[in-house]
């Protein structure tokens, strides 16, 4: 395990300040609560003791979290594992702090009493730290260029004059005809789905289901369920996304 000093030396100044600020706040909070009979000590001595123990224990916990903890993927498991690992080491440190700060020695046998007292403090501190440093998920989307007019020209000639120049949203296959969805309404066209896909081969769109093709710039959101999903399109239209067709959408950033 890397030493705490090495970990702190690699951390940016701002992060070190935030880490110390969190531990100081935790120490002052525990001092104000005065658990396990510590309210019997004078105010200054009591806060000095809790600041010393929380700061020292926190450094132990951070060192474990930045080394061993990195190998544990689920955040809640990582917090629990680190809290358990740091408890006996922190208890040893607390035993020394009692001798130095409070001026008395309870003997090694008191470790058995300290361990169940350390864990309930270590766990929430490490949990709050995990929340503070939780990774931020950034949503990405592929920028879709407007389709070239000639890419849809052959297919558009099959539509009525009213919808020929309208925005193409999706195509839905029904037996031997297609329902073409546009922002000027839907229209039925007698054409095989495979032939429609061939005519729209250069257009910006995706086949999302065995009977659906959608224009890329018409997709507004995608909801995933066990590998499959639903694509919400312009105008409130919803198209199913099959498992086999999902990779194309995921590759385009709809995760």
C-alpha atoms as a PDB file:
ATOM      1  CA  UNK A   1       0.000   0.000   0.000  1.00  0.00           C
ATOM      2  CA  UNK A   2       1.351   3.426  -0.945  1.00  0.00           C
ATOM      3  CA  UNK A   3       2.093   5.739   1.932  1.00  0.00           C
ATOM      4  CA  UNK A   4      -0.287   8.535   2.814  1.00  0.00           C
ATOM      5  CA  UNK A   5       2.477  11.065   2.209  1.00  0.00           C
ATOM      6  CA  UNK A   6       2.959   9.883  -1.366  1.00  0.00           C
ATOM      7  CA  UNK A   7      -0.767  10.103  -2.042  1.00  0.00           C
ATOM      8  CA  UNK A   8      -1.025  13.619  -0.636  1.00  0.00           C
ATOM      9  CA  UNK A   9       2.030  14.732  -2.635  1.00  0.00           C
ATOM     10  CA  UNK A  10       0.358  13.646  -5.890  1.00  0.00           C
ATOM     11  CA  UNK A  11      -2.969  15.352  -5.109  1.00  0.00           C
ATOM     12  CA  UNK A  12      -3.738  18.880  -6.390  1.00  0.00           C
ATOM     13  CA  UNK A  13      -3.659  21.642  -3.781  1.00  0.00           C
ATOM     14  CA  UNK A  14      -7.405  22.306  -4.128  1.00  0.00           C
ATOM     15  CA  UNK A  15      -8.247  18.654  -3.502  1.00  0.00           C
ATOM     16  CA  UNK A  16      -5.994  18.507  -0.437  1.00  0.00           C
ATOM     17  CA  UNK A  17      -7.723  21.604   0.957  1.00  0.00           C
ATOM     18  CA  UNK A  18     -11.160  20.082   0.360  1.00  0.00           C
ATOM     19  CA  UNK A  19     -10.145  16.754   1.900  1.00  0.00           C
ATOM     20  CA  UNK A  20      -8.789  18.482   5.011  1.00  0.00           C
ATOM     21  CA  UNK A  21     -11.830  20.759   5.194  1.00  0.00           C
ATOM     22  CA  UNK A  22     -14.135  17.736   5.120  1.00  0.00           C
ATOM     23  CA  UNK A  23     -12.188  15.995   7.878  1.00  0.00           C
ATOM     24  CA  UNK A  24     -12.046  19.140  10.050  1.00  0.00           C
ATOM     25  CA  UNK A  25     -15.812  19.602   9.645  1.00  0.00           C
ATOM     26  CA  UNK A  26     -16.348  15.970  10.592  1.00  0.00           C
ATOM     27  CA  UNK A  27     -14.073  16.315  13.617  1.00  0.00           C
ATOM     28  CA  UNK A  28     -15.893  19.426  14.848  1.00  0.00           C
ATOM     29  CA  UNK A  29     -19.255  17.712  14.339  1.00  0.00           C
ATOM     30  CA  UNK A  30     -18.246  14.622  16.297  1.00  0.00           C
ATOM     31  CA  UNK A  31     -16.766  16.873  18.971  1.00  0.00           C
ATOM     32  CA  UNK A  32     -20.060  18.750  19.256  1.00  0.00           C
ATOM     33  CA  UNK A  33     -21.958  15.458  19.572  1.00  0.00           C
ATOM     34  CA  UNK A  34     -19.475  14.256  22.238  1.00  0.00           C
ATOM     35  CA  UNK A  35     -20.098  10.495  21.979  1.00  0.00           C
ATOM     36  CA  UNK A  36     -18.878   7.813  24.365  1.00  0.00           C
ATOM     37  CA  UNK A  37     -18.545  10.052  27.416  1.00  0.00           C
ATOM     38  CA  UNK A  38     -16.213  12.605  25.818  1.00  0.00           C
ATOM     39  CA  UNK A  39     -18.482  15.428  27.033  1.00  0.00           C
ATOM     40  CA  UNK A  40     -16.797  14.997  30.422  1.00  0.00           C
ATOM     41  CA  UNK A  41     -13.615  16.616  29.094  1.00  0.00           C
ATOM     42  CA  UNK A  42     -13.078  20.402  28.903  1.00  0.00           C
ATOM     43  CA  UNK A  43     -14.329  21.939  25.650  1.00  0.00           C
ATOM     44  CA  UNK A  44     -10.919  22.715  24.146  1.00  0.00           C
ATOM     45  CA  UNK A  45      -9.447  19.340  25.094  1.00  0.00           C
ATOM     46  CA  UNK A  46     -12.482  17.485  23.775  1.00  0.00           C
ATOM     47  CA  UNK A  47     -12.346  19.196  20.363  1.00  0.00           C
ATOM     48  CA  UNK A  48      -8.566  18.762  20.185  1.00  0.00           C
ATOM     49  CA  UNK A  49      -9.022  15.042  20.775  1.00  0.00           C
ATOM     50  CA  UNK A  50     -11.744  14.577  18.147  1.00  0.00           C
ATOM     51  CA  UNK A  51      -9.972  16.730  15.552  1.00  0.00           C
ATOM     52  CA  UNK A  52      -6.792  14.734  16.096  1.00  0.00           C
ATOM     53  CA  UNK A  53      -8.487  11.351  15.845  1.00  0.00           C
ATOM     54  CA  UNK A  54     -10.752  12.206  12.874  1.00  0.00           C
ATOM     55  CA  UNK A  55      -7.940  13.857  10.914  1.00  0.00           C
ATOM     56  CA  UNK A  56      -5.553  10.957  11.536  1.00  0.00           C
ATOM     57  CA  UNK A  57      -8.180   8.313  10.892  1.00  0.00           C
ATOM     58  CA  UNK A  58      -9.303  10.161   7.783  1.00  0.00           C
ATOM     59  CA  UNK A  59      -5.800  10.149   6.338  1.00  0.00           C
ATOM     60  CA  UNK A  60      -5.630   6.398   6.969  1.00  0.00           C
ATOM     61  CA  UNK A  61      -8.983   5.953   5.230  1.00  0.00           C
ATOM     62  CA  UNK A  62      -7.962   8.100   2.244  1.00  0.00           C
ATOM     63  CA  UNK A  63      -4.717   6.153   1.830  1.00  0.00           C
ATOM     64  CA  UNK A  64      -6.648   2.872   1.794  1.00  0.00           C
ATOM     65  CA  UNK A  65      -9.334   4.241  -0.520  1.00  0.00           C
ATOM     66  CA  UNK A  66      -6.823   5.547  -3.067  1.00  0.00           C
ATOM     67  CA  UNK A  67      -4.956   2.223  -3.139  1.00  0.00           C
ATOM     68  CA  UNK A  68      -7.016  -0.823  -2.190  1.00  0.00           C
ATOM     69  CA  UNK A  69     -10.354   0.924  -2.734  1.00  0.00           C
ATOM     70  CA  UNK A  70      -9.638   1.635  -6.405  1.00  0.00           C
ATOM     71  CA  UNK A  71      -9.931  -2.095  -7.114  1.00  0.00           C
ATOM     72  CA  UNK A  72     -13.540  -2.226  -5.882  1.00  0.00           C
ATOM     73  CA  UNK A  73     -15.990  -1.022  -8.543  1.00  0.00           C
ATOM     74  CA  UNK A  74     -19.417  -0.524  -6.882  1.00  0.00           C
ATOM     75  CA  UNK A  75     -19.165   2.705  -4.816  1.00  0.00           C
ATOM     76  CA  UNK A  76     -21.134   1.422  -1.815  1.00  0.00           C
ATOM     77  CA  UNK A  77     -18.985  -1.709  -1.608  1.00  0.00           C
ATOM     78  CA  UNK A  78     -15.871   0.418  -1.832  1.00  0.00           C
ATOM     79  CA  UNK A  79     -17.019   2.646   1.044  1.00  0.00           C
ATOM     80  CA  UNK A  80     -17.937  -0.343   3.203  1.00  0.00           C
ATOM     81  CA  UNK A  81     -14.705  -2.221   2.476  1.00  0.00           C
ATOM     82  CA  UNK A  82     -12.483   0.804   3.148  1.00  0.00           C
ATOM     83  CA  UNK A  83     -14.377   1.611   6.368  1.00  0.00           C
ATOM     84  CA  UNK A  84     -13.869  -1.952   7.605  1.00  0.00           C
ATOM     85  CA  UNK A  85     -10.186  -1.984   6.652  1.00  0.00           C
ATOM     86  CA  UNK A  86      -9.419   1.364   8.258  1.00  0.00           C
ATOM     87  CA  UNK A  87     -11.187   0.565  11.531  1.00  0.00           C
ATOM     88  CA  UNK A  88      -8.467  -1.538  13.259  1.00  0.00           C
ATOM     89  CA  UNK A  89      -5.678   0.744  12.017  1.00  0.00           C
ATOM     90  CA  UNK A  90      -7.574   3.824  13.166  1.00  0.00           C
ATOM     91  CA  UNK A  91      -8.291   2.192  16.525  1.00  0.00           C
ATOM     92  CA  UNK A  92      -4.536   1.784  17.039  1.00  0.00           C
ATOM     93  CA  UNK A  93      -4.056   5.435  16.123  1.00  0.00           C
ATOM     94  CA  UNK A  94      -6.830   6.503  18.523  1.00  0.00           C
ATOM     95  CA  UNK A  95      -5.194   4.524  21.304  1.00  0.00           C
ATOM     96  CA  UNK A  96      -2.060   6.617  20.795  1.00  0.00           C
ATOM     97  CA  UNK A  97      -4.082   9.853  20.578  1.00  0.00           C
ATOM     98  CA  UNK A  98      -5.704   9.083  23.924  1.00  0.00           C
ATOM     99  CA  UNK A  99      -2.235   8.810  25.466  1.00  0.00           C
ATOM    100  CA  UNK A 100      -0.888  11.990  23.821  1.00  0.00           C
ATOM    101  CA  UNK A 101      -3.936  14.310  23.853  1.00  0.00           C
ATOM    102  CA  UNK A 102      -5.890  13.128  26.903  1.00  0.00           C
ATOM    103  CA  UNK A 103      -2.848  12.073  28.900  1.00  0.00           C
ATOM    104  CA  UNK A 104      -3.849   8.600  30.017  1.00  0.00           C
ATOM    105  CA  UNK A 105      -3.218   5.042  28.877  1.00  0.00           C
ATOM    106  CA  UNK A 106      -5.967   2.426  28.935  1.00  0.00           C
ATOM    107  CA  UNK A 107      -3.756  -0.455  27.809  1.00  0.00           C
ATOM    108  CA  UNK A 108      -3.865  -2.648  24.735  1.00  0.00           C
ATOM    109  CA  UNK A 109      -6.960  -4.403  26.004  1.00  0.00           C
ATOM    110  CA  UNK A 110      -8.993  -1.262  25.286  1.00  0.00           C
ATOM    111  CA  UNK A 111      -8.648  -1.911  21.533  1.00  0.00           C
ATOM    112  CA  UNK A 112     -11.599  -4.268  21.807  1.00  0.00           C
ATOM    113  CA  UNK A 113     -13.745  -1.358  22.988  1.00  0.00           C
ATOM    114  CA  UNK A 114     -12.369   1.145  20.473  1.00  0.00           C
ATOM    115  CA  UNK A 115     -13.041  -0.867  17.290  1.00  0.00           C
ATOM    116  CA  UNK A 116     -16.878  -0.786  17.602  1.00  0.00           C
ATOM    117  CA  UNK A 117     -16.615   2.939  18.365  1.00  0.00           C
ATOM    118  CA  UNK A 118     -14.398   3.758  15.371  1.00  0.00           C
ATOM    119  CA  UNK A 119     -16.461   2.039  12.651  1.00  0.00           C
ATOM    120  CA  UNK A 120     -19.719   4.066  13.148  1.00  0.00           C
ATOM    121  CA  UNK A 121     -17.674   7.251  12.692  1.00  0.00           C
ATOM    122  CA  UNK A 122     -15.489   6.020   9.830  1.00  0.00           C
ATOM    123  CA  UNK A 123     -18.396   4.767   7.700  1.00  0.00           C
ATOM    124  CA  UNK A 124     -20.357   8.063   7.369  1.00  0.00           C
ATOM    125  CA  UNK A 125     -17.164  10.068   6.847  1.00  0.00           C
ATOM    126  CA  UNK A 126     -16.042   7.829   4.000  1.00  0.00           C
ATOM    127  CA  UNK A 127     -19.582   7.802   2.567  1.00  0.00           C
ATOM    128  CA  UNK A 128     -19.723  11.622   2.516  1.00  0.00           C
ATOM    129  CA  UNK A 129     -16.269  11.716   0.921  1.00  0.00           C
ATOM    130  CA  UNK A 130     -17.424   9.272  -1.775  1.00  0.00           C
ATOM    131  CA  UNK A 131     -20.413  11.511  -2.534  1.00  0.00           C
ATOM    132  CA  UNK A 132     -18.193  14.595  -2.764  1.00  0.00           C
ATOM    133  CA  UNK A 133     -15.790  12.912  -5.202  1.00  0.00           C
ATOM    134  CA  UNK A 134     -18.317  10.823  -7.114  1.00  0.00           C
ATOM    135  CA  UNK A 135     -17.622  10.850 -10.864  1.00  0.00           C
ATOM    136  CA  UNK A 136     -19.807  13.126 -12.954  1.00  0.00           C
ATOM    137  CA  UNK A 137     -21.438  11.370 -15.887  1.00  0.00           C
ATOM    138  CA  UNK A 138     -21.302  13.410 -19.057  1.00  0.00           C
ATOM    139  CA  UNK A 139     -23.892  12.679 -21.704  1.00  0.00           C
ATOM    140  CA  UNK A 140     -22.560  12.757 -25.254  1.00  0.00           C
ATOM    141  CA  UNK A 141     -24.409  12.851 -28.507  1.00  0.00           C
ATOM    142  CA  UNK A 142     -23.263  12.565 -32.099  1.00  0.00           C
ATOM    143  CA  UNK A 143     -23.778  15.786 -34.024  1.00  0.00           C
ATOM    144  CA  UNK A 144     -26.029  15.028 -36.968  1.00  0.00           C
ATOM    145  CA  UNK A 145     -25.532  16.992 -40.167  1.00  0.00           C
ATOM    146  CA  UNK A 146     -28.613  17.868 -42.219  1.00  0.00           C
ATOM    147  CA  UNK A 147     -29.209  15.166 -44.839  1.00  0.00           C
ATOM    148  CA  UNK A 148     -28.092  15.937 -48.362  1.00  0.00           C
ATOM    149  CA  UNK A 149     -31.119  16.617 -50.603  1.00  0.00           C
ATOM    150  CA  UNK A 150     -30.113  13.936 -53.107  1.00  0.00           C
ATOM    151  CA  UNK A 151     -29.835  11.294 -50.349  1.00  0.00           C
ATOM    152  CA  UNK A 152     -33.617  11.286 -49.904  1.00  0.00           C
ATOM    153  CA  UNK A 153     -34.648  12.485 -53.359  1.00  0.00           C
ATOM    154  CA  UNK A 154     -35.613   9.092 -54.801  1.00  0.00           C
ATOM    155  CA  UNK A 155     -37.732   8.189 -51.808  1.00  0.00           C
ATOM    156  CA  UNK A 156     -39.362  11.623 -51.514  1.00  0.00           C
ATOM    157  CA  UNK A 157     -40.669  11.375 -55.078  1.00  0.00           C
ATOM    158  CA  UNK A 158     -42.990   8.628 -53.845  1.00  0.00           C
ATOM    159  CA  UNK A 159     -44.738  11.025 -51.458  1.00  0.00           C
ATOM    160  CA  UNK A 160     -47.628  13.381 -52.198  1.00  0.00           C
ATOM    161  CA  UNK A 161     -46.817  16.975 -53.086  1.00  0.00           C
ATOM    162  CA  UNK A 162     -47.855  18.090 -49.588  1.00  0.00           C
ATOM    163  CA  UNK A 163     -45.293  15.909 -47.827  1.00  0.00           C
ATOM    164  CA  UNK A 164     -42.554  15.746 -50.429  1.00  0.00           C
ATOM    165  CA  UNK A 165     -40.748  18.747 -48.939  1.00  0.00           C
ATOM    166  CA  UNK A 166     -41.694  18.006 -45.310  1.00  0.00           C
ATOM    167  CA  UNK A 167     -39.265  16.856 -42.652  1.00  0.00           C
ATOM    168  CA  UNK A 168     -38.873  13.077 -42.750  1.00  0.00           C
ATOM    169  CA  UNK A 169     -39.211  11.563 -39.255  1.00  0.00           C
ATOM    170  CA  UNK A 170     -39.635   7.799 -39.615  1.00  0.00           C
ATOM    171  CA  UNK A 171     -40.807   4.950 -41.805  1.00  0.00           C
ATOM    172  CA  UNK A 172     -42.930   2.125 -40.404  1.00  0.00           C
ATOM    173  CA  UNK A 173     -43.463  -1.100 -42.321  1.00  0.00           C
ATOM    174  CA  UNK A 174     -46.950  -2.668 -42.555  1.00  0.00           C
ATOM    175  CA  UNK A 175     -47.146  -5.796 -44.698  1.00  0.00           C
ATOM    176  CA  UNK A 176     -46.776  -4.599 -48.296  1.00  0.00           C
ATOM    177  CA  UNK A 177     -46.924  -0.863 -47.634  1.00  0.00           C
ATOM    178  CA  UNK A 178     -45.173   1.756 -45.548  1.00  0.00           C
ATOM    179  CA  UNK A 179     -46.446   4.427 -43.196  1.00  0.00           C
ATOM    180  CA  UNK A 180     -44.201   7.434 -43.738  1.00  0.00           C
ATOM    181  CA  UNK A 181     -44.156   9.858 -40.804  1.00  0.00           C
ATOM    182  CA  UNK A 182     -43.329  13.512 -41.537  1.00  0.00           C
ATOM    183  CA  UNK A 183     -43.853  16.784 -39.726  1.00  0.00           C
ATOM    184  CA  UNK A 184     -46.755  17.361 -42.178  1.00  0.00           C
ATOM    185  CA  UNK A 185     -48.489  14.156 -41.104  1.00  0.00           C
ATOM    186  CA  UNK A 186     -48.315  10.464 -42.034  1.00  0.00           C
ATOM    187  CA  UNK A 187     -48.868   8.910 -45.424  1.00  0.00           C
ATOM    188  CA  UNK A 188     -49.197   5.346 -46.739  1.00  0.00           C
ATOM    189  CA  UNK A 189     -46.893   4.297 -49.579  1.00  0.00           C
ATOM    190  CA  UNK A 190     -46.953   1.014 -51.458  1.00  0.00           C
ATOM    191  CA  UNK A 191     -43.350  -0.128 -51.269  1.00  0.00           C
ATOM    192  CA  UNK A 192     -41.334  -2.917 -49.711  1.00  0.00           C
ATOM    193  CA  UNK A 193     -39.401  -1.940 -46.585  1.00  0.00           C
ATOM    194  CA  UNK A 194     -36.180  -3.353 -48.057  1.00  0.00           C
ATOM    195  CA  UNK A 195     -36.548  -1.137 -51.134  1.00  0.00           C
ATOM    196  CA  UNK A 196     -37.155   1.919 -48.954  1.00  0.00           C
ATOM    197  CA  UNK A 197     -33.984   1.156 -46.981  1.00  0.00           C
ATOM    198  CA  UNK A 198     -32.036   0.866 -50.240  1.00  0.00           C
ATOM    199  CA  UNK A 199     -33.293   4.272 -51.423  1.00  0.00           C
ATOM    200  CA  UNK A 200     -32.398   5.845 -48.056  1.00  0.00           C
ATOM    201  CA  UNK A 201     -29.007   4.181 -47.842  1.00  0.00           C
ATOM    202  CA  UNK A 202     -27.126   7.526 -47.978  1.00  0.00           C
ATOM    203  CA  UNK A 203     -29.578   9.408 -45.759  1.00  0.00           C
ATOM    204  CA  UNK A 204     -28.839  10.172 -42.095  1.00  0.00           C
ATOM    205  CA  UNK A 205     -30.918   7.597 -40.280  1.00  0.00           C
ATOM    206  CA  UNK A 206     -31.009   4.234 -38.545  1.00  0.00           C
ATOM    207  CA  UNK A 207     -32.915   1.033 -38.891  1.00  0.00           C
ATOM    208  CA  UNK A 208     -33.939   0.563 -35.251  1.00  0.00           C
ATOM    209  CA  UNK A 209     -36.287  -2.390 -35.641  1.00  0.00           C
ATOM    210  CA  UNK A 210     -37.178  -4.971 -38.262  1.00  0.00           C
ATOM    211  CA  UNK A 211     -40.053  -2.706 -39.300  1.00  0.00           C
ATOM    212  CA  UNK A 212     -38.801   0.797 -38.402  1.00  0.00           C
ATOM    213  CA  UNK A 213     -36.347   3.297 -39.868  1.00  0.00           C
ATOM    214  CA  UNK A 214     -35.899   6.683 -38.161  1.00  0.00           C
ATOM    215  CA  UNK A 215     -34.203   9.888 -39.273  1.00  0.00           C
ATOM    216  CA  UNK A 216     -31.168  10.652 -37.125  1.00  0.00           C
ATOM    217  CA  UNK A 217     -32.085  14.288 -36.540  1.00  0.00           C
ATOM    218  CA  UNK A 218     -35.610  13.296 -35.452  1.00  0.00           C
ATOM    219  CA  UNK A 219     -34.432  11.356 -32.381  1.00  0.00           C
ATOM    220  CA  UNK A 220     -35.031  13.279 -29.153  1.00  0.00           C
ATOM    221  CA  UNK A 221     -34.449  10.619 -26.500  1.00  0.00           C
ATOM    222  CA  UNK A 222     -33.854   6.884 -26.079  1.00  0.00           C
ATOM    223  CA  UNK A 223     -34.987   4.762 -23.143  1.00  0.00           C
ATOM    224  CA  UNK A 224     -33.204   1.440 -22.660  1.00  0.00           C
ATOM    225  CA  UNK A 225     -34.701  -1.686 -21.107  1.00  0.00           C
ATOM    226  CA  UNK A 226     -32.629  -4.868 -20.859  1.00  0.00           C
ATOM    227  CA  UNK A 227     -30.796  -4.257 -24.117  1.00  0.00           C
ATOM    228  CA  UNK A 228     -33.789  -3.099 -26.160  1.00  0.00           C
ATOM    229  CA  UNK A 229     -35.470   0.288 -25.930  1.00  0.00           C
ATOM    230  CA  UNK A 230     -37.739   2.987 -27.302  1.00  0.00           C
ATOM    231  CA  UNK A 231     -36.759   6.069 -29.294  1.00  0.00           C
ATOM    232  CA  UNK A 232     -38.830   9.190 -28.808  1.00  0.00           C
ATOM    233  CA  UNK A 233     -38.962  11.116 -32.059  1.00  0.00           C
ATOM    234  CA  UNK A 234     -39.984  14.606 -33.090  1.00  0.00           C
ATOM    235  CA  UNK A 235     -43.718  15.161 -32.733  1.00  0.00           C
ATOM    236  CA  UNK A 236     -44.009  12.653 -29.882  1.00  0.00           C
ATOM    237  CA  UNK A 237     -43.760   9.562 -32.078  1.00  0.00           C
ATOM    238  CA  UNK A 238     -42.228   6.531 -30.343  1.00  0.00           C
ATOM    239  CA  UNK A 239     -40.335   3.845 -32.262  1.00  0.00           C
ATOM    240  CA  UNK A 240     -39.216   0.494 -30.818  1.00  0.00           C
ATOM    241  CA  UNK A 241     -35.497  -0.301 -30.731  1.00  0.00           C
ATOM    242  CA  UNK A 242     -34.657  -4.004 -30.966  1.00  0.00           C
ATOM    243  CA  UNK A 243     -31.639  -5.613 -29.299  1.00  0.00           C
ATOM    244  CA  UNK A 244     -30.010  -6.376 -32.651  1.00  0.00           C
ATOM    245  CA  UNK A 245     -30.365  -2.781 -33.873  1.00  0.00           C
ATOM    246  CA  UNK A 246     -29.398  -1.112 -30.578  1.00  0.00           C
ATOM    247  CA  UNK A 247     -25.587  -1.005 -31.162  1.00  0.00           C
ATOM    248  CA  UNK A 248     -25.914   1.576 -33.941  1.00  0.00           C
ATOM    249  CA  UNK A 249     -27.764   3.992 -31.639  1.00  0.00           C
ATOM    250  CA  UNK A 250     -25.405   3.360 -28.760  1.00  0.00           C
ATOM    251  CA  UNK A 251     -22.426   4.036 -31.017  1.00  0.00           C
ATOM    252  CA  UNK A 252     -24.036   7.353 -31.949  1.00  0.00           C
ATOM    253  CA  UNK A 253     -24.065   8.372 -28.276  1.00  0.00           C
ATOM    254  CA  UNK A 254     -27.572   7.337 -27.205  1.00  0.00           C
ATOM    255  CA  UNK A 255     -26.503   5.455 -24.068  1.00  0.00           C
END
